[in-house]
N, C-alpha and C. Protein backbone atom coordinates (compact mmCIF):
# COMPACT_ATOMS: atom_id res chain seq x y z
N MET A 1 0.85 -1.18 0.00
CA MET A 1 0.00 0.00 0.00
C MET A 1 0.90 1.24 0.00
N PRO A 2 0.59 2.21 -0.85
CA PRO A 2 1.43 3.42 -0.89
C PRO A 2 1.30 4.22 0.40
N GLU A 3 2.34 4.95 0.71
CA GLU A 3 2.30 5.82 1.88
C GLU A 3 1.66 7.14 1.48
N ILE A 4 0.49 7.38 2.01
CA ILE A 4 -0.22 8.61 1.68
C ILE A 4 -0.40 9.44 2.95
N LYS A 5 -0.70 10.71 2.73
CA LYS A 5 -1.02 11.62 3.82
C LYS A 5 -2.28 12.36 3.45
N LEU A 6 -3.07 12.68 4.47
CA LEU A 6 -4.23 13.55 4.31
C LEU A 6 -3.85 14.90 4.89
N ILE A 7 -3.82 15.90 4.04
CA ILE A 7 -3.42 17.25 4.43
C ILE A 7 -4.65 18.14 4.38
N PRO A 8 -4.98 18.85 5.48
CA PRO A 8 -6.14 19.74 5.44
C PRO A 8 -6.06 20.70 4.25
N LEU A 9 -7.18 20.89 3.59
CA LEU A 9 -7.24 21.76 2.41
C LEU A 9 -6.96 23.20 2.80
N GLU A 10 -6.03 23.82 2.11
CA GLU A 10 -5.72 25.24 2.31
C GLU A 10 -6.70 26.07 1.48
N PRO A 11 -7.19 27.19 2.01
CA PRO A 11 -8.10 28.03 1.23
C PRO A 11 -7.55 28.41 -0.14
N SER A 12 -6.24 28.59 -0.23
CA SER A 12 -5.63 28.98 -1.50
C SER A 12 -5.69 27.85 -2.55
N ASP A 13 -5.97 26.63 -2.12
CA ASP A 13 -6.03 25.48 -3.03
C ASP A 13 -7.47 25.08 -3.36
N ARG A 14 -8.43 25.83 -2.86
CA ARG A 14 -9.84 25.47 -3.02
C ARG A 14 -10.24 25.31 -4.50
N GLU A 15 -9.92 26.28 -5.34
CA GLU A 15 -10.32 26.20 -6.75
C GLU A 15 -9.66 25.03 -7.47
N ASN A 16 -8.39 24.77 -7.17
CA ASN A 16 -7.73 23.60 -7.76
C ASN A 16 -8.37 22.30 -7.30
N PHE A 17 -8.75 22.25 -6.03
CA PHE A 17 -9.43 21.07 -5.48
C PHE A 17 -10.72 20.82 -6.25
N ILE A 18 -11.50 21.87 -6.46
CA ILE A 18 -12.77 21.75 -7.18
C ILE A 18 -12.52 21.26 -8.61
N LYS A 19 -11.56 21.87 -9.29
CA LYS A 19 -11.26 21.47 -10.68
C LYS A 19 -10.76 20.02 -10.74
N ASP A 20 -9.89 19.64 -9.80
CA ASP A 20 -9.38 18.26 -9.77
C ASP A 20 -10.51 17.27 -9.52
N ASN A 21 -11.43 17.62 -8.63
CA ASN A 21 -12.57 16.75 -8.35
C ASN A 21 -13.44 16.61 -9.60
N GLN A 22 -13.73 17.70 -10.24
CA GLN A 22 -14.56 17.66 -11.45
C GLN A 22 -13.90 16.83 -12.54
N TYR A 23 -12.60 16.98 -12.71
CA TYR A 23 -11.88 16.21 -13.72
C TYR A 23 -11.99 14.71 -13.43
N ALA A 24 -11.79 14.33 -12.18
CA ALA A 24 -11.85 12.90 -11.82
C ALA A 24 -13.24 12.32 -12.07
N PHE A 25 -14.29 13.05 -11.69
CA PHE A 25 -15.65 12.55 -11.89
C PHE A 25 -16.02 12.53 -13.37
N LYS A 26 -15.63 13.57 -14.09
CA LYS A 26 -15.94 13.65 -15.51
C LYS A 26 -15.20 12.55 -16.28
N TYR A 27 -13.99 12.24 -15.88
CA TYR A 27 -13.21 11.18 -16.51
C TYR A 27 -13.98 9.86 -16.47
N GLY A 28 -14.53 9.53 -15.30
CA GLY A 28 -15.29 8.29 -15.16
C GLY A 28 -16.53 8.27 -16.04
N ALA A 29 -17.23 9.39 -16.11
CA ALA A 29 -18.45 9.46 -16.93
C ALA A 29 -18.11 9.36 -18.41
N LEU A 30 -17.08 10.06 -18.84
CA LEU A 30 -16.72 10.02 -20.25
C LEU A 30 -16.19 8.65 -20.65
N GLU A 31 -15.49 7.99 -19.71
CA GLU A 31 -15.01 6.64 -19.98
C GLU A 31 -16.18 5.68 -20.16
N GLU A 32 -17.24 5.90 -19.39
CA GLU A 32 -18.42 5.02 -19.45
C GLU A 32 -19.34 5.36 -20.61
N PHE A 33 -19.58 6.65 -20.86
CA PHE A 33 -20.61 7.06 -21.81
C PHE A 33 -20.09 7.81 -23.03
N GLY A 34 -18.84 8.17 -23.07
CA GLY A 34 -18.36 9.00 -24.17
C GLY A 34 -18.86 10.42 -24.01
N GLU A 35 -19.09 11.09 -25.10
CA GLU A 35 -19.47 12.50 -25.06
C GLU A 35 -20.96 12.75 -24.88
N ARG A 36 -21.75 11.70 -24.58
CA ARG A 36 -23.17 11.94 -24.31
C ARG A 36 -23.29 13.00 -23.23
N ASP A 37 -24.23 13.89 -23.39
CA ASP A 37 -24.29 15.01 -22.45
C ASP A 37 -25.40 14.91 -21.41
N ASP A 38 -26.13 13.80 -21.36
CA ASP A 38 -27.24 13.75 -20.42
C ASP A 38 -26.80 13.45 -18.98
N HIS A 39 -25.52 13.25 -18.75
CA HIS A 39 -25.01 13.05 -17.39
C HIS A 39 -24.22 14.26 -16.91
N LEU A 40 -24.06 15.24 -17.78
CA LEU A 40 -23.27 16.41 -17.46
C LEU A 40 -24.19 17.61 -17.24
N ASP A 41 -23.75 18.55 -16.38
CA ASP A 41 -24.56 19.75 -16.16
C ASP A 41 -24.31 20.76 -17.27
N ASN A 42 -24.85 21.94 -17.13
CA ASN A 42 -24.73 22.96 -18.18
C ASN A 42 -23.30 23.38 -18.45
N ASP A 43 -22.41 23.18 -17.47
CA ASP A 43 -21.01 23.53 -17.66
C ASP A 43 -20.19 22.33 -18.13
N GLY A 44 -20.87 21.21 -18.46
CA GLY A 44 -20.16 20.03 -18.92
C GLY A 44 -19.52 19.23 -17.79
N GLU A 45 -20.03 19.37 -16.58
CA GLU A 45 -19.46 18.69 -15.42
C GLU A 45 -20.45 17.69 -14.83
N ILE A 46 -19.93 16.64 -14.22
CA ILE A 46 -20.75 15.67 -13.50
C ILE A 46 -21.22 16.27 -12.18
N ILE A 47 -20.33 17.01 -11.54
CA ILE A 47 -20.65 17.62 -10.25
C ILE A 47 -20.22 19.10 -10.35
N SER A 48 -21.14 19.97 -10.01
CA SER A 48 -20.87 21.40 -10.19
C SER A 48 -19.88 21.91 -9.15
N GLY A 49 -19.20 22.98 -9.51
CA GLY A 49 -18.31 23.64 -8.57
C GLY A 49 -19.07 24.13 -7.34
N LYS A 50 -20.30 24.55 -7.54
CA LYS A 50 -21.14 25.01 -6.43
C LYS A 50 -21.40 23.87 -5.43
N THR A 51 -21.69 22.68 -5.96
CA THR A 51 -21.95 21.54 -5.08
C THR A 51 -20.69 21.14 -4.32
N ILE A 52 -19.55 21.10 -5.02
CA ILE A 52 -18.29 20.76 -4.35
C ILE A 52 -17.97 21.81 -3.29
N GLY A 53 -18.15 23.09 -3.64
CA GLY A 53 -17.89 24.16 -2.69
C GLY A 53 -18.75 24.05 -1.45
N LYS A 54 -20.01 23.68 -1.63
CA LYS A 54 -20.90 23.51 -0.48
C LYS A 54 -20.41 22.36 0.41
N CYS A 55 -19.97 21.27 -0.21
CA CYS A 55 -19.43 20.15 0.57
C CYS A 55 -18.22 20.59 1.38
N ILE A 56 -17.33 21.36 0.74
CA ILE A 56 -16.14 21.85 1.44
C ILE A 56 -16.55 22.75 2.61
N ASP A 57 -17.49 23.66 2.36
CA ASP A 57 -17.91 24.62 3.39
C ASP A 57 -18.58 23.93 4.58
N GLU A 58 -19.29 22.85 4.33
CA GLU A 58 -20.05 22.18 5.39
C GLU A 58 -19.30 20.99 5.99
N GLY A 59 -18.12 20.70 5.49
CA GLY A 59 -17.39 19.53 5.97
C GLY A 59 -15.93 19.86 6.27
N THR A 60 -15.14 18.81 6.28
CA THR A 60 -13.70 18.91 6.49
C THR A 60 -13.03 18.34 5.26
N ALA A 61 -12.27 19.17 4.55
CA ALA A 61 -11.66 18.77 3.28
C ALA A 61 -10.17 18.49 3.47
N TYR A 62 -9.71 17.46 2.77
CA TYR A 62 -8.31 17.07 2.80
C TYR A 62 -7.80 16.88 1.38
N ARG A 63 -6.53 17.17 1.19
CA ARG A 63 -5.83 16.77 -0.02
C ARG A 63 -5.16 15.44 0.28
N ILE A 64 -5.19 14.55 -0.69
CA ILE A 64 -4.48 13.28 -0.58
C ILE A 64 -3.14 13.48 -1.26
N THR A 65 -2.05 13.20 -0.53
CA THR A 65 -0.73 13.28 -1.13
C THR A 65 -0.06 11.91 -1.08
N CYS A 66 0.80 11.68 -2.06
CA CYS A 66 1.60 10.46 -2.14
C CYS A 66 3.00 10.90 -2.55
N ASP A 67 3.97 10.60 -1.72
CA ASP A 67 5.35 11.04 -1.99
C ASP A 67 5.43 12.55 -2.21
N GLY A 68 4.62 13.29 -1.45
CA GLY A 68 4.64 14.74 -1.53
C GLY A 68 3.88 15.34 -2.69
N ARG A 69 3.32 14.50 -3.55
CA ARG A 69 2.55 14.97 -4.70
C ARG A 69 1.07 14.95 -4.38
N ILE A 70 0.33 15.95 -4.80
CA ILE A 70 -1.13 15.94 -4.65
C ILE A 70 -1.69 14.96 -5.67
N VAL A 71 -2.46 13.98 -5.18
CA VAL A 71 -3.00 12.94 -6.06
C VAL A 71 -4.52 12.80 -5.93
N GLY A 72 -5.14 13.61 -5.10
CA GLY A 72 -6.59 13.53 -4.94
C GLY A 72 -7.07 14.37 -3.78
N GLY A 73 -8.27 14.05 -3.34
CA GLY A 73 -8.85 14.78 -2.22
C GLY A 73 -10.08 14.10 -1.68
N LEU A 74 -10.52 14.56 -0.54
CA LEU A 74 -11.74 14.02 0.05
C LEU A 74 -12.35 15.04 0.98
N VAL A 75 -13.65 14.90 1.20
CA VAL A 75 -14.39 15.77 2.12
C VAL A 75 -15.22 14.86 3.02
N LEU A 76 -15.13 15.12 4.31
CA LEU A 76 -15.88 14.36 5.32
C LEU A 76 -16.83 15.29 6.05
N LYS A 77 -17.93 14.74 6.50
CA LYS A 77 -18.83 15.46 7.40
C LYS A 77 -18.92 14.59 8.66
N ILE A 78 -18.38 15.12 9.75
CA ILE A 78 -18.27 14.37 11.00
C ILE A 78 -19.34 14.85 11.97
N ASP A 79 -20.08 13.90 12.54
CA ASP A 79 -21.10 14.21 13.53
C ASP A 79 -20.69 13.58 14.87
N PRO A 80 -20.07 14.37 15.75
CA PRO A 80 -19.58 13.81 17.01
C PRO A 80 -20.68 13.37 17.97
N GLU A 81 -21.91 13.82 17.75
CA GLU A 81 -23.02 13.41 18.62
C GLU A 81 -23.53 12.02 18.29
N THR A 82 -23.71 11.75 17.00
CA THR A 82 -24.26 10.45 16.60
C THR A 82 -23.19 9.45 16.18
N ASN A 83 -22.00 9.95 15.82
CA ASN A 83 -20.93 9.12 15.26
C ASN A 83 -21.34 8.43 13.96
N VAL A 84 -22.35 8.98 13.30
CA VAL A 84 -22.70 8.58 11.94
C VAL A 84 -22.07 9.64 11.04
N ASN A 85 -20.99 9.27 10.38
CA ASN A 85 -20.20 10.22 9.62
C ASN A 85 -20.36 9.98 8.12
N HIS A 86 -20.11 11.01 7.35
CA HIS A 86 -20.36 10.96 5.91
C HIS A 86 -19.09 11.24 5.12
N LEU A 87 -18.84 10.39 4.16
CA LEU A 87 -17.83 10.64 3.16
C LEU A 87 -18.54 11.36 2.03
N GLU A 88 -18.35 12.66 1.96
CA GLU A 88 -19.05 13.48 0.97
C GLU A 88 -18.43 13.35 -0.41
N LEU A 89 -17.11 13.37 -0.47
CA LEU A 89 -16.39 13.28 -1.74
C LEU A 89 -15.09 12.53 -1.52
N LEU A 90 -14.71 11.72 -2.47
CA LEU A 90 -13.40 11.08 -2.49
C LEU A 90 -13.01 10.94 -3.95
N PHE A 91 -11.86 11.47 -4.31
CA PHE A 91 -11.40 11.34 -5.69
C PHE A 91 -9.89 11.17 -5.72
N VAL A 92 -9.46 10.41 -6.71
CA VAL A 92 -8.04 10.23 -7.00
C VAL A 92 -7.86 10.61 -8.47
N SER A 93 -6.80 11.32 -8.76
CA SER A 93 -6.52 11.70 -10.14
C SER A 93 -6.52 10.46 -11.03
N PRO A 94 -7.19 10.51 -12.17
CA PRO A 94 -7.20 9.34 -13.08
C PRO A 94 -5.80 8.85 -13.44
N ASP A 95 -4.81 9.75 -13.44
CA ASP A 95 -3.43 9.34 -13.72
C ASP A 95 -2.85 8.45 -12.61
N GLU A 96 -3.51 8.43 -11.47
CA GLU A 96 -3.03 7.68 -10.31
C GLU A 96 -3.92 6.49 -9.97
N HIS A 97 -4.90 6.19 -10.81
CA HIS A 97 -5.80 5.06 -10.55
C HIS A 97 -5.04 3.73 -10.52
N SER A 98 -5.61 2.79 -9.79
CA SER A 98 -5.11 1.40 -9.71
C SER A 98 -3.73 1.29 -9.06
N LYS A 99 -3.42 2.23 -8.17
CA LYS A 99 -2.15 2.18 -7.44
C LYS A 99 -2.37 2.00 -5.94
N GLY A 100 -3.62 1.83 -5.51
CA GLY A 100 -3.91 1.65 -4.10
C GLY A 100 -4.03 2.94 -3.31
N ILE A 101 -4.02 4.08 -3.99
CA ILE A 101 -4.05 5.36 -3.30
C ILE A 101 -5.39 5.61 -2.63
N GLY A 102 -6.49 5.35 -3.33
CA GLY A 102 -7.82 5.56 -2.74
C GLY A 102 -8.02 4.70 -1.51
N TYR A 103 -7.62 3.44 -1.59
CA TYR A 103 -7.76 2.54 -0.45
C TYR A 103 -6.89 2.99 0.72
N ALA A 104 -5.65 3.38 0.44
CA ALA A 104 -4.76 3.87 1.50
C ALA A 104 -5.34 5.12 2.15
N ALA A 105 -5.92 6.00 1.33
CA ALA A 105 -6.54 7.21 1.87
C ALA A 105 -7.72 6.84 2.76
N TRP A 106 -8.54 5.87 2.31
CA TRP A 106 -9.68 5.46 3.12
C TRP A 106 -9.23 4.87 4.45
N LYS A 107 -8.19 4.04 4.44
CA LYS A 107 -7.69 3.46 5.69
C LYS A 107 -7.20 4.56 6.64
N GLU A 108 -6.62 5.62 6.07
CA GLU A 108 -6.18 6.74 6.90
C GLU A 108 -7.38 7.47 7.50
N VAL A 109 -8.46 7.62 6.74
CA VAL A 109 -9.68 8.22 7.28
C VAL A 109 -10.18 7.40 8.47
N GLU A 110 -10.25 6.09 8.31
CA GLU A 110 -10.71 5.23 9.40
C GLU A 110 -9.81 5.38 10.63
N ARG A 111 -8.51 5.49 10.41
CA ARG A 111 -7.57 5.65 11.52
C ARG A 111 -7.78 6.99 12.22
N LEU A 112 -8.04 8.05 11.44
CA LEU A 112 -8.21 9.39 12.01
C LEU A 112 -9.53 9.56 12.78
N TYR A 113 -10.53 8.74 12.43
CA TYR A 113 -11.85 8.89 13.05
C TYR A 113 -12.31 7.54 13.65
N PRO A 114 -11.59 7.06 14.68
CA PRO A 114 -11.90 5.74 15.26
C PRO A 114 -13.23 5.71 16.01
N GLN A 115 -13.77 6.86 16.38
CA GLN A 115 -15.04 6.92 17.10
C GLN A 115 -16.24 6.66 16.20
N THR A 116 -16.03 6.62 14.89
CA THR A 116 -17.13 6.46 13.94
C THR A 116 -17.85 5.14 14.16
N GLY A 117 -19.17 5.22 14.26
CA GLY A 117 -20.00 4.02 14.35
C GLY A 117 -20.42 3.54 12.98
N VAL A 118 -20.78 4.51 12.12
CA VAL A 118 -21.23 4.20 10.76
C VAL A 118 -20.68 5.26 9.82
N TRP A 119 -20.16 4.80 8.68
CA TRP A 119 -19.81 5.69 7.57
C TRP A 119 -20.89 5.58 6.52
N GLU A 120 -21.20 6.68 5.88
CA GLU A 120 -22.19 6.69 4.81
C GLU A 120 -21.61 7.47 3.64
N THR A 121 -21.91 7.01 2.41
CA THR A 121 -21.50 7.74 1.22
C THR A 121 -22.44 7.42 0.07
N TYR A 122 -22.31 8.17 -1.00
CA TYR A 122 -23.12 8.01 -2.20
C TYR A 122 -22.19 7.99 -3.41
N THR A 123 -22.63 7.34 -4.47
CA THR A 123 -21.91 7.42 -5.73
C THR A 123 -22.89 7.27 -6.88
N PRO A 124 -22.61 7.93 -8.02
CA PRO A 124 -23.50 7.78 -9.18
C PRO A 124 -23.56 6.32 -9.64
N TYR A 125 -24.70 5.94 -10.17
CA TYR A 125 -24.94 4.55 -10.58
C TYR A 125 -23.96 4.06 -11.64
N PHE A 126 -23.41 4.97 -12.46
CA PHE A 126 -22.56 4.55 -13.56
C PHE A 126 -21.09 4.43 -13.17
N GLU A 127 -20.73 4.81 -11.96
CA GLU A 127 -19.34 4.78 -11.53
C GLU A 127 -18.97 3.38 -11.04
N LYS A 128 -18.79 2.46 -11.98
CA LYS A 128 -18.49 1.07 -11.64
C LYS A 128 -17.21 0.95 -10.80
N ARG A 129 -16.22 1.78 -11.11
CA ARG A 129 -14.98 1.74 -10.32
C ARG A 129 -15.28 2.08 -8.85
N ASN A 130 -16.13 3.10 -8.64
CA ASN A 130 -16.48 3.49 -7.27
C ASN A 130 -17.25 2.39 -6.56
N ILE A 131 -18.21 1.82 -7.26
CA ILE A 131 -19.03 0.76 -6.65
C ILE A 131 -18.14 -0.40 -6.24
N HIS A 132 -17.24 -0.82 -7.12
CA HIS A 132 -16.27 -1.87 -6.80
C HIS A 132 -15.42 -1.46 -5.60
N PHE A 133 -14.92 -0.24 -5.63
CA PHE A 133 -14.05 0.26 -4.57
C PHE A 133 -14.74 0.22 -3.21
N TYR A 134 -15.93 0.80 -3.13
CA TYR A 134 -16.61 0.87 -1.84
C TYR A 134 -17.01 -0.50 -1.31
N ILE A 135 -17.53 -1.35 -2.17
CA ILE A 135 -18.00 -2.66 -1.71
C ILE A 135 -16.85 -3.65 -1.53
N ASN A 136 -16.07 -3.84 -2.58
CA ASN A 136 -15.08 -4.91 -2.58
C ASN A 136 -13.76 -4.57 -1.90
N LYS A 137 -13.41 -3.31 -1.86
CA LYS A 137 -12.15 -2.91 -1.23
C LYS A 137 -12.35 -2.40 0.20
N CYS A 138 -13.32 -1.50 0.37
CA CYS A 138 -13.46 -0.81 1.65
C CYS A 138 -14.48 -1.42 2.60
N GLY A 139 -15.29 -2.36 2.14
CA GLY A 139 -16.21 -3.05 3.03
C GLY A 139 -17.55 -2.36 3.25
N PHE A 140 -17.92 -1.43 2.38
CA PHE A 140 -19.24 -0.81 2.47
C PHE A 140 -20.28 -1.78 1.92
N SER A 141 -21.53 -1.54 2.25
CA SER A 141 -22.65 -2.27 1.68
C SER A 141 -23.57 -1.28 0.97
N ALA A 142 -24.03 -1.66 -0.20
CA ALA A 142 -25.02 -0.84 -0.90
C ALA A 142 -26.35 -1.08 -0.21
N VAL A 143 -27.00 -0.02 0.24
CA VAL A 143 -28.24 -0.17 1.00
C VAL A 143 -29.44 0.50 0.35
N GLU A 144 -29.19 1.31 -0.68
CA GLU A 144 -30.31 2.01 -1.31
C GLU A 144 -29.90 2.48 -2.69
N PHE A 145 -30.87 2.51 -3.60
CA PHE A 145 -30.64 3.03 -4.95
C PHE A 145 -31.68 4.10 -5.22
N PHE A 146 -31.22 5.34 -5.36
CA PHE A 146 -32.12 6.46 -5.61
C PHE A 146 -32.28 6.66 -7.11
N ASN A 147 -33.53 6.84 -7.54
CA ASN A 147 -33.86 7.03 -8.94
C ASN A 147 -35.20 7.74 -9.01
N GLU A 148 -35.76 7.88 -10.19
CA GLU A 148 -37.01 8.65 -10.32
C GLU A 148 -38.17 8.03 -9.55
N LYS A 149 -38.12 6.73 -9.28
CA LYS A 149 -39.19 6.07 -8.52
C LYS A 149 -38.90 5.99 -7.02
N HIS A 150 -37.68 6.33 -6.64
CA HIS A 150 -37.28 6.30 -5.24
C HIS A 150 -36.31 7.47 -5.00
N VAL A 151 -36.87 8.62 -4.62
CA VAL A 151 -36.11 9.86 -4.48
C VAL A 151 -35.74 10.06 -3.02
N ASP A 152 -34.50 10.44 -2.78
CA ASP A 152 -34.03 10.74 -1.42
C ASP A 152 -34.32 12.21 -1.14
N LYS A 153 -35.36 12.48 -0.41
CA LYS A 153 -35.76 13.86 -0.11
C LYS A 153 -34.91 14.50 0.98
N ASN A 154 -34.11 13.71 1.71
CA ASN A 154 -33.33 14.24 2.82
C ASN A 154 -31.86 14.47 2.48
N GLN A 155 -31.40 14.01 1.33
CA GLN A 155 -29.99 14.12 0.99
C GLN A 155 -29.78 15.26 0.00
N PRO A 156 -29.02 16.28 0.38
CA PRO A 156 -28.83 17.42 -0.52
C PRO A 156 -28.27 17.04 -1.88
N ILE A 157 -27.42 16.03 -1.95
CA ILE A 157 -26.81 15.68 -3.23
C ILE A 157 -27.86 15.22 -4.24
N ALA A 158 -28.98 14.68 -3.76
CA ALA A 158 -30.04 14.25 -4.67
C ALA A 158 -30.68 15.46 -5.36
N ASP A 159 -30.60 16.63 -4.71
CA ASP A 159 -31.16 17.84 -5.28
C ASP A 159 -30.12 18.64 -6.06
N ALA A 160 -28.87 18.21 -5.99
CA ALA A 160 -27.80 18.94 -6.65
C ALA A 160 -27.81 18.67 -8.15
N GLU A 161 -27.07 19.51 -8.85
CA GLU A 161 -26.89 19.27 -10.28
C GLU A 161 -26.11 17.97 -10.44
N GLY A 162 -26.32 17.29 -11.55
CA GLY A 162 -25.57 16.07 -11.81
C GLY A 162 -26.48 14.86 -11.81
N PRO A 163 -25.91 13.69 -11.63
CA PRO A 163 -26.68 12.45 -11.74
C PRO A 163 -27.83 12.39 -10.73
N ASP A 164 -28.98 11.89 -11.17
CA ASP A 164 -30.10 11.75 -10.26
C ASP A 164 -30.31 10.29 -9.87
N GLU A 165 -29.45 9.41 -10.33
CA GLU A 165 -29.49 8.01 -9.93
C GLU A 165 -28.21 7.70 -9.16
N MET A 166 -28.38 7.42 -7.87
CA MET A 166 -27.24 7.26 -6.97
C MET A 166 -27.43 6.04 -6.09
N PHE A 167 -26.31 5.40 -5.75
CA PHE A 167 -26.31 4.36 -4.74
C PHE A 167 -25.92 5.00 -3.41
N ARG A 168 -26.54 4.51 -2.33
CA ARG A 168 -26.14 4.90 -0.97
C ARG A 168 -25.46 3.69 -0.36
N PHE A 169 -24.31 3.91 0.23
CA PHE A 169 -23.53 2.87 0.88
C PHE A 169 -23.37 3.20 2.35
N ILE A 170 -23.29 2.16 3.18
CA ILE A 170 -22.91 2.36 4.58
C ILE A 170 -21.86 1.32 4.94
N LYS A 171 -21.06 1.69 5.93
CA LYS A 171 -20.10 0.76 6.52
C LYS A 171 -20.25 0.88 8.03
N ILE A 172 -20.66 -0.22 8.65
CA ILE A 172 -20.83 -0.24 10.10
C ILE A 172 -19.48 -0.57 10.72
N MET A 173 -19.00 0.36 11.52
CA MET A 173 -17.69 0.21 12.16
C MET A 173 -17.82 -0.44 13.53
N LYS A 174 -18.91 -0.09 14.24
CA LYS A 174 -19.16 -0.68 15.55
C LYS A 174 -20.64 -0.52 15.86
N ALA A 175 -21.15 -1.44 16.59
CA ALA A 175 -22.58 -1.42 16.91
C ALA A 175 -22.89 -0.18 17.75
N GLN A 176 -24.01 0.44 17.45
CA GLN A 176 -24.46 1.60 18.20
C GLN A 176 -25.97 1.76 17.97
N GLU A 177 -26.56 2.56 18.80
CA GLU A 177 -27.98 2.83 18.62
C GLU A 177 -28.13 3.87 17.53
N LEU A 178 -29.00 3.61 16.58
CA LEU A 178 -29.25 4.57 15.50
C LEU A 178 -30.57 5.25 15.70
């Protein structure tokens, strides 16, 4: 496993973080669908800068580094009262895929937040790499599929620009009352 570090996002790196996140998500969509535009917003993005910015503002953002190089990022929303925490965003530069960086970053998140009872995250239905990653690598379980017949009225990302078909995953770290 590569040696990675999670470095708190500096305000001066915010715009680069947003662009890097958009590139990583768009790469997956274009790899899956080509230039079809029904998965992209008006700016040609899978996830808008506004949505990413809101995640950063409401959570804790980190840059993922490997050997001192920025290779991705993630945003967490930590709830110390319930210990039900959310992985809002996780991305690795497509140039760095299949090197174990995402998994190493996830293991570091688990190490940094040992009090977590449950982790929750979402991913678009077409992101096969993400689905494989969360289930087969990180131990999450798919628990819900949001679509036009089953809309998540409580999750802001369902109302955001971008894909309207999403999987919800959870990972139970320790038994607790929900």
